[in-house]
């Protein structure tokens, strides 16, 4: 078992992403075109400096493909069309700068957690074997519009590289595991897009806008 990411085969991730992106382009081209060009090396380096530890190889590879999608535009116009929220629960992929910004919130969350932490309330292996025991190792890679995040866990150990979601805006705790890796995550999404297999209880459907344009959503 690889506990540090040194043995991650990034080529396998690239294949999973290629498959997902190809299906997304066919099924929802409006969503596909929101993907930005790759993040620059300078932006990725700045992100790692902000984190204080290296990015998981799969997350670095994802940023090397696309620097996220644009954030949703604030609008009171109910007819305003927006694409890019093509991940489950309406999550949008974050770019390097957005990840760095979101990590500031993670630091605050960790500080608040530690201020209230009482070891008597937790099992002895809490720090080692529970994802909410190492909040500073949560690296967001996507967000919905309700204050939640999807993140890659960066604590070395058996859960290193696992993908989680937490609805911070809704007060949902603890994090819910979505996949054991970004590779598995995008493989599962691609499969769901191909044959309708549910992902965490949701299936991909098509949202049809009044303009005639459409996007992907999960219901």
N, C-alpha and C. Protein backbone atom coordinates (compact mmCIF):
# COMPACT_ATOMS: atom_id res chain seq x y z
N UNK A 1 0.84 -1.20 0.00
CA UNK A 1 0.00 0.00 0.00
C UNK A 1 0.88 1.25 0.00
N UNK A 2 0.59 2.19 -0.90
CA UNK A 2 1.35 3.43 -1.00
C UNK A 2 0.76 4.45 -0.03
N UNK A 3 1.57 4.85 0.95
CA UNK A 3 1.08 5.77 1.98
C UNK A 3 1.52 7.21 1.74
N UNK A 4 2.31 7.45 0.69
CA UNK A 4 2.85 8.79 0.47
C UNK A 4 2.63 9.31 -0.93
N UNK A 5 2.11 8.50 -1.84
CA UNK A 5 1.90 8.95 -3.20
C UNK A 5 3.07 8.74 -4.12
N UNK A 6 4.18 8.22 -3.59
CA UNK A 6 5.38 8.07 -4.42
C UNK A 6 5.21 7.00 -5.48
N UNK A 7 4.28 6.08 -5.30
CA UNK A 7 4.08 5.00 -6.26
C UNK A 7 2.80 5.17 -7.08
N UNK A 8 2.21 6.35 -7.05
CA UNK A 8 0.99 6.60 -7.82
C UNK A 8 1.32 6.63 -9.31
N UNK A 9 0.58 5.87 -10.08
CA UNK A 9 0.75 5.86 -11.54
C UNK A 9 -0.15 6.95 -12.12
N UNK A 10 0.44 8.09 -12.40
CA UNK A 10 -0.34 9.22 -12.90
C UNK A 10 -0.94 8.92 -14.26
N UNK A 11 -0.31 8.03 -15.02
CA UNK A 11 -0.85 7.67 -16.33
C UNK A 11 -2.25 7.06 -16.21
N UNK A 12 -2.47 6.31 -15.15
CA UNK A 12 -3.80 5.71 -14.93
C UNK A 12 -4.81 6.82 -14.66
N UNK A 13 -4.39 7.82 -13.88
CA UNK A 13 -5.29 8.96 -13.67
C UNK A 13 -5.59 9.67 -14.99
N UNK A 14 -4.56 9.88 -15.79
CA UNK A 14 -4.76 10.57 -17.07
C UNK A 14 -5.78 9.83 -17.94
N UNK A 15 -5.72 8.52 -17.93
CA UNK A 15 -6.68 7.72 -18.71
C UNK A 15 -8.09 7.90 -18.17
N UNK A 16 -8.21 7.90 -16.84
CA UNK A 16 -9.54 8.09 -16.23
C UNK A 16 -10.09 9.47 -16.57
N UNK A 17 -9.24 10.48 -16.50
CA UNK A 17 -9.70 11.83 -16.83
C UNK A 17 -10.07 11.93 -18.30
N UNK A 18 -9.24 11.36 -19.18
CA UNK A 18 -9.55 11.40 -20.61
C UNK A 18 -10.93 10.81 -20.89
N UNK A 19 -11.21 9.69 -20.25
CA UNK A 19 -12.49 9.02 -20.45
C UNK A 19 -13.63 9.91 -19.96
N UNK A 20 -13.48 10.46 -18.76
CA UNK A 20 -14.53 11.32 -18.21
C UNK A 20 -14.75 12.55 -19.08
N UNK A 21 -13.68 13.20 -19.47
CA UNK A 21 -13.82 14.43 -20.24
C UNK A 21 -14.44 14.17 -21.61
N UNK A 22 -14.08 13.04 -22.22
CA UNK A 22 -14.65 12.71 -23.53
C UNK A 22 -16.16 12.50 -23.43
N UNK A 23 -16.59 11.80 -22.38
CA UNK A 23 -18.03 11.56 -22.20
C UNK A 23 -18.74 12.87 -21.87
N UNK A 24 -18.09 13.71 -21.05
CA UNK A 24 -18.68 15.00 -20.71
C UNK A 24 -18.85 15.85 -21.97
N UNK A 25 -17.85 15.84 -22.84
CA UNK A 25 -17.92 16.63 -24.07
C UNK A 25 -19.07 16.18 -24.96
N UNK A 26 -19.32 14.88 -24.97
CA UNK A 26 -20.41 14.34 -25.79
C UNK A 26 -21.77 14.61 -25.16
N UNK A 27 -21.83 14.43 -23.86
CA UNK A 27 -23.12 14.53 -23.17
C UNK A 27 -23.50 15.97 -22.85
N UNK A 28 -22.52 16.79 -22.51
CA UNK A 28 -22.82 18.17 -22.10
C UNK A 28 -21.71 19.11 -22.56
N UNK A 29 -21.66 19.42 -23.83
CA UNK A 29 -20.58 20.28 -24.35
C UNK A 29 -20.52 21.65 -23.70
N UNK A 30 -21.66 22.16 -23.24
CA UNK A 30 -21.65 23.46 -22.56
C UNK A 30 -20.82 23.40 -21.28
N UNK A 31 -20.87 22.27 -20.59
CA UNK A 31 -20.05 22.08 -19.40
C UNK A 31 -18.59 21.89 -19.77
N UNK A 32 -18.35 21.11 -20.79
CA UNK A 32 -16.97 20.82 -21.20
C UNK A 32 -16.19 22.09 -21.51
N UNK A 33 -16.81 23.04 -22.18
CA UNK A 33 -16.06 24.23 -22.60
C UNK A 33 -15.76 25.17 -21.44
N UNK A 34 -16.31 24.92 -20.26
CA UNK A 34 -15.97 25.76 -19.12
C UNK A 34 -14.61 25.40 -18.54
N UNK A 35 -14.07 24.25 -18.88
CA UNK A 35 -12.77 23.84 -18.35
C UNK A 35 -11.68 24.78 -18.85
N UNK A 36 -10.91 25.30 -17.92
CA UNK A 36 -9.84 26.23 -18.27
C UNK A 36 -8.61 25.48 -18.79
N UNK A 37 -7.68 26.20 -19.39
CA UNK A 37 -6.39 25.61 -19.77
C UNK A 37 -5.64 25.15 -18.52
N UNK A 38 -4.53 24.44 -18.68
CA UNK A 38 -3.76 23.96 -17.52
C UNK A 38 -3.29 25.10 -16.62
N UNK A 39 -3.17 24.79 -15.34
CA UNK A 39 -2.58 25.75 -14.40
C UNK A 39 -1.10 25.89 -14.71
N UNK A 40 -0.57 27.08 -14.57
CA UNK A 40 0.85 27.29 -14.80
C UNK A 40 1.66 26.67 -13.66
N UNK A 41 2.91 26.35 -13.95
CA UNK A 41 3.79 25.79 -12.92
C UNK A 41 3.93 26.76 -11.76
N UNK A 42 3.96 28.06 -12.06
CA UNK A 42 4.10 29.06 -11.00
C UNK A 42 2.91 29.03 -10.06
N UNK A 43 1.71 28.85 -10.61
CA UNK A 43 0.52 28.81 -9.76
C UNK A 43 0.50 27.54 -8.90
N UNK A 44 0.90 26.43 -9.47
CA UNK A 44 0.94 25.18 -8.70
C UNK A 44 1.99 25.28 -7.60
N UNK A 45 3.15 25.84 -7.93
CA UNK A 45 4.20 26.02 -6.92
C UNK A 45 3.72 26.94 -5.80
N UNK A 46 3.01 28.00 -6.16
CA UNK A 46 2.49 28.92 -5.14
C UNK A 46 1.46 28.23 -4.25
N UNK A 47 0.68 27.35 -4.84
CA UNK A 47 -0.31 26.60 -4.07
C UNK A 47 0.39 25.69 -3.06
N UNK A 48 1.41 24.97 -3.50
CA UNK A 48 2.12 24.08 -2.59
C UNK A 48 2.81 24.87 -1.47
N UNK A 49 3.31 26.06 -1.80
CA UNK A 49 3.91 26.90 -0.77
C UNK A 49 2.86 27.31 0.26
N UNK A 50 1.66 27.59 -0.20
CA UNK A 50 0.57 27.95 0.72
C UNK A 50 0.20 26.78 1.61
N UNK A 51 0.15 25.59 1.03
CA UNK A 51 -0.23 24.40 1.80
C UNK A 51 0.85 24.01 2.79
N UNK A 52 2.10 24.12 2.36
CA UNK A 52 3.21 23.68 3.20
C UNK A 52 3.57 22.22 3.02
N UNK A 53 3.00 21.58 2.00
CA UNK A 53 3.32 20.18 1.68
C UNK A 53 2.98 19.95 0.21
N UNK A 54 3.55 18.90 -0.40
CA UNK A 54 3.32 18.65 -1.83
C UNK A 54 1.88 18.21 -2.11
N UNK A 55 1.40 18.58 -3.26
CA UNK A 55 0.11 18.09 -3.73
C UNK A 55 0.19 16.60 -4.02
N UNK A 56 -0.92 15.91 -3.78
CA UNK A 56 -1.00 14.52 -4.22
C UNK A 56 -0.79 14.49 -5.73
N UNK A 57 -0.04 13.50 -6.24
CA UNK A 57 0.26 13.46 -7.68
C UNK A 57 -0.97 13.53 -8.58
N UNK A 58 -2.08 12.94 -8.16
CA UNK A 58 -3.29 12.98 -8.99
C UNK A 58 -3.89 14.38 -9.04
N UNK A 59 -3.87 15.09 -7.92
CA UNK A 59 -4.40 16.45 -7.92
C UNK A 59 -3.49 17.37 -8.73
N UNK A 60 -2.20 17.17 -8.61
CA UNK A 60 -1.26 17.95 -9.44
C UNK A 60 -1.52 17.66 -10.91
N UNK A 61 -1.77 16.40 -11.24
CA UNK A 61 -2.04 16.04 -12.64
C UNK A 61 -3.34 16.67 -13.12
N UNK A 62 -4.35 16.72 -12.25
CA UNK A 62 -5.62 17.34 -12.62
C UNK A 62 -5.43 18.82 -12.95
N UNK A 63 -4.66 19.52 -12.13
CA UNK A 63 -4.38 20.93 -12.40
C UNK A 63 -3.55 21.08 -13.66
N UNK A 64 -2.76 20.06 -13.97
CA UNK A 64 -1.98 20.08 -15.20
C UNK A 64 -2.82 19.88 -16.45
N UNK A 65 -4.03 19.41 -16.26
CA UNK A 65 -4.96 19.27 -17.39
C UNK A 65 -5.82 20.52 -17.51
N UNK A 66 -6.40 20.94 -16.39
CA UNK A 66 -7.29 22.10 -16.40
C UNK A 66 -7.19 22.84 -15.06
N UNK A 67 -7.12 24.14 -15.13
CA UNK A 67 -7.06 24.97 -13.92
C UNK A 67 -8.48 25.28 -13.45
N UNK A 68 -9.25 24.22 -13.23
CA UNK A 68 -10.61 24.36 -12.75
C UNK A 68 -11.55 24.95 -13.79
N UNK A 69 -12.67 25.47 -13.32
CA UNK A 69 -13.65 26.17 -14.17
C UNK A 69 -13.92 27.53 -13.52
N UNK A 70 -14.46 28.48 -14.27
CA UNK A 70 -14.80 29.77 -13.66
C UNK A 70 -15.83 29.59 -12.54
N UNK A 71 -15.75 30.45 -11.55
CA UNK A 71 -16.74 30.40 -10.48
C UNK A 71 -18.09 30.84 -11.01
N UNK A 72 -19.14 30.43 -10.32
CA UNK A 72 -20.48 30.81 -10.74
C UNK A 72 -20.66 32.32 -10.60
N UNK A 73 -21.38 32.89 -11.53
CA UNK A 73 -21.65 34.33 -11.49
C UNK A 73 -22.87 34.60 -10.60
N UNK A 74 -22.75 35.60 -9.76
CA UNK A 74 -23.90 36.00 -8.94
C UNK A 74 -24.93 36.68 -9.84
N UNK A 75 -26.17 36.21 -9.76
CA UNK A 75 -27.21 36.79 -10.60
C UNK A 75 -28.57 36.55 -9.97
N UNK A 76 -29.42 37.60 -10.02
CA UNK A 76 -30.80 37.46 -9.57
C UNK A 76 -31.72 37.05 -10.72
N UNK A 77 -31.16 36.95 -11.90
CA UNK A 77 -31.94 36.61 -13.08
C UNK A 77 -32.15 35.11 -13.14
N UNK A 78 -33.37 34.66 -12.94
CA UNK A 78 -33.64 33.23 -12.93
C UNK A 78 -33.41 32.59 -14.29
N UNK A 79 -33.37 33.39 -15.33
CA UNK A 79 -33.13 32.87 -16.67
C UNK A 79 -31.66 32.89 -17.05
N UNK A 80 -30.81 33.32 -16.12
CA UNK A 80 -29.37 33.39 -16.41
C UNK A 80 -28.81 31.98 -16.54
N UNK A 81 -28.17 31.69 -17.66
CA UNK A 81 -27.63 30.35 -17.90
C UNK A 81 -26.19 30.27 -17.43
N UNK A 82 -25.88 29.21 -16.67
CA UNK A 82 -24.50 28.98 -16.24
C UNK A 82 -24.19 27.50 -16.34
N UNK A 83 -23.02 27.21 -16.85
CA UNK A 83 -22.55 25.83 -16.93
C UNK A 83 -21.32 25.68 -16.03
N UNK A 84 -20.84 24.45 -15.89
CA UNK A 84 -19.61 24.19 -15.14
C UNK A 84 -19.79 23.46 -13.84
N UNK A 85 -21.03 23.34 -13.35
CA UNK A 85 -21.28 22.61 -12.09
C UNK A 85 -21.63 21.17 -12.42
N UNK A 86 -20.70 20.47 -13.07
CA UNK A 86 -21.01 19.16 -13.63
C UNK A 86 -20.62 17.99 -12.73
N UNK A 87 -20.13 18.26 -11.53
CA UNK A 87 -19.81 17.19 -10.59
C UNK A 87 -21.00 16.97 -9.65
N UNK A 88 -21.06 15.82 -8.97
CA UNK A 88 -22.18 15.55 -8.07
C UNK A 88 -22.40 16.67 -7.05
N UNK A 89 -23.67 16.87 -6.69
CA UNK A 89 -24.11 17.90 -5.75
C UNK A 89 -23.80 19.31 -6.27
N UNK A 90 -23.63 19.43 -7.57
CA UNK A 90 -23.40 20.75 -8.16
C UNK A 90 -22.01 21.31 -7.91
N UNK A 91 -21.04 20.45 -7.64
CA UNK A 91 -19.67 20.92 -7.41
C UNK A 91 -19.03 21.40 -8.71
N UNK A 92 -18.20 22.44 -8.56
CA UNK A 92 -17.43 23.00 -9.66
C UNK A 92 -15.95 22.77 -9.36
N UNK A 93 -15.18 22.37 -10.36
CA UNK A 93 -13.75 22.16 -10.18
C UNK A 93 -13.05 23.47 -9.83
N UNK A 94 -12.17 23.42 -8.84
CA UNK A 94 -11.39 24.60 -8.45
C UNK A 94 -10.05 24.62 -9.17
N UNK A 95 -9.60 25.82 -9.52
CA UNK A 95 -8.25 26.00 -10.02
C UNK A 95 -7.27 26.19 -8.88
N UNK A 96 -6.00 26.36 -9.21
CA UNK A 96 -4.96 26.46 -8.18
C UNK A 96 -5.20 27.64 -7.25
N UNK A 97 -5.55 28.80 -7.80
CA UNK A 97 -5.78 29.97 -6.95
C UNK A 97 -7.00 29.77 -6.05
N UNK A 98 -8.04 29.15 -6.58
CA UNK A 98 -9.25 28.91 -5.79
C UNK A 98 -8.98 27.91 -4.67
N UNK A 99 -8.14 26.91 -4.95
CA UNK A 99 -7.78 25.95 -3.91
C UNK A 99 -7.03 26.65 -2.78
N UNK A 100 -6.08 27.50 -3.15
CA UNK A 100 -5.31 28.23 -2.14
C UNK A 100 -6.23 29.11 -1.30
N UNK A 101 -7.18 29.76 -1.94
CA UNK A 101 -8.13 30.60 -1.21
C UNK A 101 -9.01 29.77 -0.29
N UNK A 102 -9.50 28.63 -0.80
CA UNK A 102 -10.36 27.77 0.02
C UNK A 102 -9.60 27.18 1.20
N UNK A 103 -8.30 26.98 1.03
CA UNK A 103 -7.51 26.39 2.12
C UNK A 103 -7.44 27.34 3.31
N UNK A 104 -7.58 28.63 3.08
CA UNK A 104 -7.64 29.58 4.19
C UNK A 104 -8.82 29.24 5.10
N UNK A 105 -9.94 28.87 4.49
CA UNK A 105 -11.09 28.44 5.27
C UNK A 105 -10.84 27.15 6.02
N UNK A 106 -10.05 26.26 5.41
CA UNK A 106 -9.70 25.01 6.07
C UNK A 106 -8.87 25.28 7.32
N UNK A 107 -7.94 26.22 7.21
CA UNK A 107 -7.11 26.58 8.36
C UNK A 107 -7.98 27.10 9.50
N UNK A 108 -8.92 27.96 9.18
CA UNK A 108 -9.84 28.49 10.20
C UNK A 108 -10.67 27.37 10.82
N UNK A 109 -11.16 26.46 9.98
CA UNK A 109 -11.93 25.33 10.48
C UNK A 109 -11.10 24.49 11.43
N UNK A 110 -9.84 24.24 11.08
CA UNK A 110 -8.96 23.44 11.93
C UNK A 110 -8.70 24.14 13.26
N UNK A 111 -8.51 25.44 13.21
CA UNK A 111 -8.28 26.20 14.45
C UNK A 111 -9.50 26.13 15.37
N UNK A 112 -10.68 26.26 14.79
CA UNK A 112 -11.90 26.17 15.59
C UNK A 112 -12.07 24.78 16.19
N UNK A 113 -11.75 23.76 15.39
CA UNK A 113 -11.87 22.39 15.87
C UNK A 113 -10.92 22.15 17.03
N UNK A 114 -9.67 22.60 16.89
CA UNK A 114 -8.68 22.38 17.94
C UNK A 114 -9.05 23.13 19.21
N UNK A 115 -9.65 24.29 19.06
CA UNK A 115 -10.03 25.07 20.24
C UNK A 115 -11.06 24.33 21.09
N UNK A 116 -11.88 23.53 20.44
CA UNK A 116 -12.94 22.79 21.15
C UNK A 116 -12.57 21.33 21.39
N UNK A 117 -11.37 20.93 20.96
CA UNK A 117 -11.00 19.51 21.01
C UNK A 117 -10.76 19.05 22.45
N UNK A 118 -11.39 17.94 22.79
CA UNK A 118 -11.17 17.30 24.09
C UNK A 118 -10.84 15.84 23.81
N UNK A 119 -9.59 15.41 24.06
CA UNK A 119 -9.20 14.02 23.77
C UNK A 119 -10.12 12.99 24.40
N UNK A 120 -10.75 13.34 25.49
CA UNK A 120 -11.63 12.38 26.17
C UNK A 120 -12.85 12.03 25.32
N UNK A 121 -13.16 12.88 24.35
CA UNK A 121 -14.33 12.65 23.51
C UNK A 121 -14.04 11.76 22.31
N UNK A 122 -12.77 11.36 22.13
CA UNK A 122 -12.39 10.64 20.92
C UNK A 122 -11.59 9.39 21.25
N UNK A 123 -11.61 8.43 20.33
CA UNK A 123 -10.87 7.20 20.51
C UNK A 123 -9.38 7.48 20.38
N UNK A 124 -8.56 6.54 20.87
CA UNK A 124 -7.11 6.77 20.93
C UNK A 124 -6.47 6.95 19.56
N UNK A 125 -7.01 6.29 18.52
CA UNK A 125 -6.39 6.38 17.19
C UNK A 125 -7.02 7.47 16.33
N UNK A 126 -7.68 8.44 16.96
CA UNK A 126 -8.42 9.45 16.21
C UNK A 126 -7.53 10.19 15.22
N UNK A 127 -6.35 10.63 15.65
CA UNK A 127 -5.47 11.40 14.79
C UNK A 127 -4.95 10.56 13.62
N UNK A 128 -4.71 9.29 13.87
CA UNK A 128 -4.09 8.44 12.85
C UNK A 128 -5.09 7.89 11.84
N UNK A 129 -6.28 7.57 12.28
CA UNK A 129 -7.20 6.81 11.44
C UNK A 129 -8.54 7.47 11.17
N UNK A 130 -8.67 8.74 11.46
CA UNK A 130 -9.93 9.43 11.21
C UNK A 130 -9.64 10.72 10.45
N UNK A 131 -10.32 10.89 9.33
CA UNK A 131 -10.01 12.01 8.45
C UNK A 131 -10.26 13.36 9.13
N UNK A 132 -11.24 13.43 10.03
CA UNK A 132 -11.50 14.70 10.70
C UNK A 132 -10.52 14.96 11.84
N UNK A 133 -9.54 14.08 12.02
CA UNK A 133 -8.49 14.31 13.00
C UNK A 133 -7.32 15.09 12.43
N UNK A 134 -7.33 15.33 11.10
CA UNK A 134 -6.22 16.03 10.44
C UNK A 134 -6.78 17.01 9.41
N UNK A 135 -7.53 17.98 9.87
CA UNK A 135 -8.23 18.89 8.97
C UNK A 135 -7.27 19.68 8.09
N UNK A 136 -6.08 19.99 8.60
CA UNK A 136 -5.13 20.75 7.80
C UNK A 136 -4.62 19.97 6.59
N UNK A 137 -4.94 18.70 6.52
CA UNK A 137 -4.55 17.89 5.36
C UNK A 137 -5.70 17.72 4.37
N UNK A 138 -6.75 18.50 4.54
CA UNK A 138 -7.83 18.52 3.55
C UNK A 138 -7.46 19.55 2.47
N UNK A 139 -7.35 19.11 1.25
CA UNK A 139 -7.06 20.04 0.15
C UNK A 139 -8.27 20.06 -0.79
N UNK A 140 -9.05 21.14 -0.76
CA UNK A 140 -10.24 21.22 -1.61
C UNK A 140 -9.87 21.17 -3.09
N UNK A 141 -10.73 20.54 -3.89
CA UNK A 141 -10.54 20.57 -5.34
C UNK A 141 -11.83 20.94 -6.06
N UNK A 142 -12.94 21.05 -5.34
CA UNK A 142 -14.22 21.42 -5.95
C UNK A 142 -15.14 21.95 -4.87
N UNK A 143 -16.12 22.75 -5.30
CA UNK A 143 -17.08 23.31 -4.34
C UNK A 143 -18.44 23.48 -5.00
N UNK A 144 -19.53 23.35 -4.22
CA UNK A 144 -20.88 23.67 -4.70
C UNK A 144 -21.20 25.11 -4.35
N UNK A 145 -22.47 25.45 -4.33
CA UNK A 145 -22.84 26.84 -4.01
C UNK A 145 -23.38 26.99 -2.60
N UNK A 146 -23.16 25.98 -1.74
CA UNK A 146 -23.75 26.04 -0.40
C UNK A 146 -22.71 26.05 0.72
N UNK A 147 -21.45 26.30 0.38
CA UNK A 147 -20.43 26.35 1.41
C UNK A 147 -19.72 25.04 1.66
N UNK A 148 -20.09 23.98 0.96
CA UNK A 148 -19.42 22.70 1.13
C UNK A 148 -18.14 22.63 0.32
N UNK A 149 -17.45 21.51 0.41
CA UNK A 149 -16.24 21.27 -0.39
C UNK A 149 -16.12 19.78 -0.69
N UNK A 150 -15.43 19.49 -1.77
CA UNK A 150 -14.91 18.15 -2.02
C UNK A 150 -13.39 18.28 -1.90
N UNK A 151 -12.76 17.34 -1.23
CA UNK A 151 -11.33 17.49 -0.99
C UNK A 151 -10.59 16.16 -1.12
N UNK A 152 -9.28 16.29 -1.36
CA UNK A 152 -8.38 15.14 -1.38
C UNK A 152 -7.62 15.14 -0.06
N UNK A 153 -7.64 14.00 0.61
CA UNK A 153 -6.99 13.88 1.91
C UNK A 153 -5.49 13.69 1.72
N UNK A 154 -4.68 14.53 2.39
CA UNK A 154 -3.24 14.53 2.17
C UNK A 154 -2.43 14.05 3.37
N UNK A 155 -3.07 13.45 4.35
CA UNK A 155 -2.33 12.91 5.48
C UNK A 155 -1.72 11.56 5.09
N UNK A 156 -0.38 11.40 5.14
CA UNK A 156 0.21 10.10 4.82
C UNK A 156 -0.40 9.00 5.69
N UNK A 157 -0.70 7.89 5.07
CA UNK A 157 -1.35 6.79 5.76
C UNK A 157 -2.31 6.08 4.83
N UNK A 158 -3.12 5.19 5.35
CA UNK A 158 -3.99 4.37 4.50
C UNK A 158 -5.06 5.15 3.75
N UNK A 159 -5.39 6.37 4.18
CA UNK A 159 -6.43 7.14 3.49
C UNK A 159 -5.85 8.27 2.63
N UNK A 160 -4.53 8.28 2.47
CA UNK A 160 -3.88 9.31 1.66
C UNK A 160 -4.41 9.25 0.23
N UNK A 161 -4.85 10.39 -0.28
CA UNK A 161 -5.36 10.46 -1.64
C UNK A 161 -6.84 10.16 -1.79
N UNK A 162 -7.51 9.76 -0.70
CA UNK A 162 -8.94 9.49 -0.79
C UNK A 162 -9.70 10.80 -1.02
N UNK A 163 -10.86 10.67 -1.63
CA UNK A 163 -11.69 11.83 -1.98
C UNK A 163 -12.90 11.87 -1.05
N UNK A 164 -13.14 13.03 -0.46
CA UNK A 164 -14.24 13.20 0.49
C UNK A 164 -15.07 14.43 0.12
N UNK A 165 -16.29 14.44 0.63
CA UNK A 165 -17.17 15.61 0.50
C UNK A 165 -17.72 15.93 1.88
N UNK A 166 -17.83 17.22 2.15
CA UNK A 166 -18.44 17.63 3.42
C UNK A 166 -19.29 18.87 3.18
N UNK A 167 -20.50 18.84 3.70
CA UNK A 167 -21.42 19.96 3.52
C UNK A 167 -21.28 20.96 4.65
N UNK A 168 -20.23 21.76 4.60
CA UNK A 168 -19.98 22.71 5.68
C UNK A 168 -21.14 23.68 5.86
N UNK A 169 -21.73 24.11 4.75
CA UNK A 169 -22.83 25.05 4.85
C UNK A 169 -24.06 24.46 5.52
N UNK A 170 -24.24 23.15 5.39
CA UNK A 170 -25.41 22.49 5.97
C UNK A 170 -25.12 21.90 7.34
N UNK A 171 -23.86 22.01 7.78
CA UNK A 171 -23.49 21.46 9.08
C UNK A 171 -23.32 19.96 9.08
N UNK A 172 -23.19 19.36 7.89
CA UNK A 172 -23.02 17.91 7.79
C UNK A 172 -21.63 17.51 8.24
N UNK A 173 -21.55 16.59 9.18
CA UNK A 173 -20.26 16.14 9.73
C UNK A 173 -20.42 14.70 10.16
N UNK A 174 -19.45 13.83 9.96
CA UNK A 174 -18.12 14.03 9.39
C UNK A 174 -18.13 13.97 7.87
N UNK A 175 -16.95 14.10 7.25
CA UNK A 175 -16.87 14.00 5.79
C UNK A 175 -17.33 12.64 5.30
N UNK A 176 -17.87 12.63 4.09
CA UNK A 176 -18.33 11.40 3.44
C UNK A 176 -17.33 11.01 2.36
N UNK A 177 -16.89 9.77 2.39
CA UNK A 177 -15.93 9.33 1.37
C UNK A 177 -16.63 9.13 0.04
N UNK A 178 -16.08 9.73 -1.01
CA UNK A 178 -16.60 9.58 -2.36
C UNK A 178 -15.84 8.53 -3.15
N UNK A 179 -14.55 8.41 -2.90
CA UNK A 179 -13.73 7.46 -3.66
C UNK A 179 -12.38 7.31 -2.96
N UNK A 180 -11.65 6.26 -3.31
CA UNK A 180 -10.34 6.04 -2.71
C UNK A 180 -9.24 6.79 -3.43
N UNK A 181 -9.58 7.45 -4.53
CA UNK A 181 -8.60 8.24 -5.29
C UNK A 181 -9.34 9.09 -6.30
N UNK A 182 -8.67 10.09 -6.85
CA UNK A 182 -9.27 10.85 -7.94
C UNK A 182 -9.46 9.98 -9.17
N UNK A 183 -8.55 9.04 -9.38
CA UNK A 183 -8.71 8.11 -10.50
C UNK A 183 -10.02 7.35 -10.38
N UNK A 184 -10.26 6.77 -9.20
CA UNK A 184 -11.50 6.03 -9.00
C UNK A 184 -12.71 6.96 -9.11
N UNK A 185 -12.59 8.17 -8.58
CA UNK A 185 -13.69 9.13 -8.62
C UNK A 185 -14.14 9.39 -10.05
N UNK A 186 -13.20 9.73 -10.92
CA UNK A 186 -13.59 10.04 -12.30
C UNK A 186 -13.97 8.78 -13.08
N UNK A 187 -13.42 7.63 -12.71
CA UNK A 187 -13.88 6.37 -13.31
C UNK A 187 -15.35 6.12 -12.97
N UNK A 188 -15.70 6.34 -11.71
CA UNK A 188 -17.08 6.12 -11.28
C UNK A 188 -18.03 7.09 -11.97
N UNK A 189 -17.61 8.34 -12.10
CA UNK A 189 -18.47 9.32 -12.78
C UNK A 189 -18.64 8.97 -14.25
N UNK A 190 -17.55 8.55 -14.89
CA UNK A 190 -17.64 8.17 -16.30
C UNK A 190 -18.58 6.98 -16.48
N UNK A 191 -18.47 6.01 -15.60
CA UNK A 191 -19.36 4.85 -15.68
C UNK A 191 -20.82 5.29 -15.51
N UNK A 192 -21.05 6.17 -14.55
CA UNK A 192 -22.41 6.65 -14.32
C UNK A 192 -22.96 7.37 -15.54
N UNK A 193 -22.12 8.18 -16.19
CA UNK A 193 -22.55 8.88 -17.39
C UNK A 193 -22.83 7.92 -18.54
N UNK A 194 -22.10 6.82 -18.56
CA UNK A 194 -22.26 5.85 -19.64
C UNK A 194 -23.51 4.99 -19.48
N UNK A 195 -23.73 4.47 -18.26
CA UNK A 195 -24.80 3.49 -18.11
C UNK A 195 -25.83 3.83 -17.03
N UNK A 196 -25.69 4.99 -16.39
CA UNK A 196 -26.68 5.40 -15.40
C UNK A 196 -26.49 4.82 -14.02
N UNK A 197 -25.37 4.11 -13.80
CA UNK A 197 -25.10 3.58 -12.47
C UNK A 197 -25.07 4.72 -11.46
N UNK A 198 -25.81 4.63 -10.36
CA UNK A 198 -25.84 5.74 -9.39
C UNK A 198 -24.46 6.00 -8.79
N UNK A 199 -24.19 7.24 -8.52
CA UNK A 199 -23.01 7.63 -7.75
C UNK A 199 -23.50 8.24 -6.44
N UNK A 200 -23.21 7.57 -5.33
CA UNK A 200 -23.64 8.03 -4.02
C UNK A 200 -25.13 8.36 -4.01
N UNK A 201 -25.91 7.53 -4.70
CA UNK A 201 -27.36 7.70 -4.71
C UNK A 201 -27.89 8.67 -5.75
N UNK A 202 -27.01 9.31 -6.51
CA UNK A 202 -27.44 10.27 -7.53
C UNK A 202 -27.14 9.75 -8.92
N UNK A 203 -28.00 10.12 -9.86
CA UNK A 203 -27.80 9.75 -11.26
C UNK A 203 -27.66 11.01 -12.11
N UNK A 204 -26.87 10.93 -13.16
CA UNK A 204 -26.73 12.10 -14.04
C UNK A 204 -27.98 12.30 -14.88
N UNK A 205 -28.44 13.53 -14.93
CA UNK A 205 -29.58 13.89 -15.76
C UNK A 205 -29.22 15.15 -16.54
N UNK A 206 -30.12 15.57 -17.40
CA UNK A 206 -29.88 16.76 -18.20
C UNK A 206 -30.79 17.89 -17.74
N UNK A 207 -30.19 19.02 -17.40
CA UNK A 207 -30.96 20.21 -17.07
C UNK A 207 -31.14 21.02 -18.35
N UNK A 208 -32.37 21.24 -18.73
CA UNK A 208 -32.66 21.97 -19.97
C UNK A 208 -33.11 23.40 -19.63
N UNK A 209 -32.32 24.34 -20.07
CA UNK A 209 -32.58 25.74 -19.79
C UNK A 209 -33.62 26.29 -20.76
N UNK A 210 -34.28 27.37 -20.36
CA UNK A 210 -35.32 27.96 -21.20
C UNK A 210 -34.77 28.45 -22.54
N UNK A 211 -33.46 28.68 -22.60
CA UNK A 211 -32.83 29.14 -23.83
C UNK A 211 -32.64 28.01 -24.84
N UNK A 212 -32.85 26.77 -24.37
CA UNK A 212 -32.60 25.62 -25.23
C UNK A 212 -31.25 24.98 -24.97
N UNK A 213 -30.41 25.66 -24.23
CA UNK A 213 -29.10 25.10 -23.87
C UNK A 213 -29.29 24.12 -22.71
N UNK A 214 -28.30 23.27 -22.48
CA UNK A 214 -28.46 22.30 -21.41
C UNK A 214 -27.12 22.02 -20.73
N UNK A 215 -27.22 21.54 -19.50
CA UNK A 215 -26.05 21.18 -18.70
C UNK A 215 -26.33 19.86 -17.99
N UNK A 216 -25.27 19.34 -17.40
CA UNK A 216 -25.37 18.10 -16.63
C UNK A 216 -25.72 18.44 -15.18
N UNK A 217 -26.60 17.64 -14.59
CA UNK A 217 -26.84 17.75 -13.16
C UNK A 217 -27.07 16.36 -12.59
N UNK A 218 -26.90 16.25 -11.28
CA UNK A 218 -27.04 14.96 -10.59
C UNK A 218 -28.24 15.04 -9.66
N UNK A 219 -29.15 14.07 -9.80
CA UNK A 219 -30.37 14.09 -8.99
C UNK A 219 -30.62 12.72 -8.37
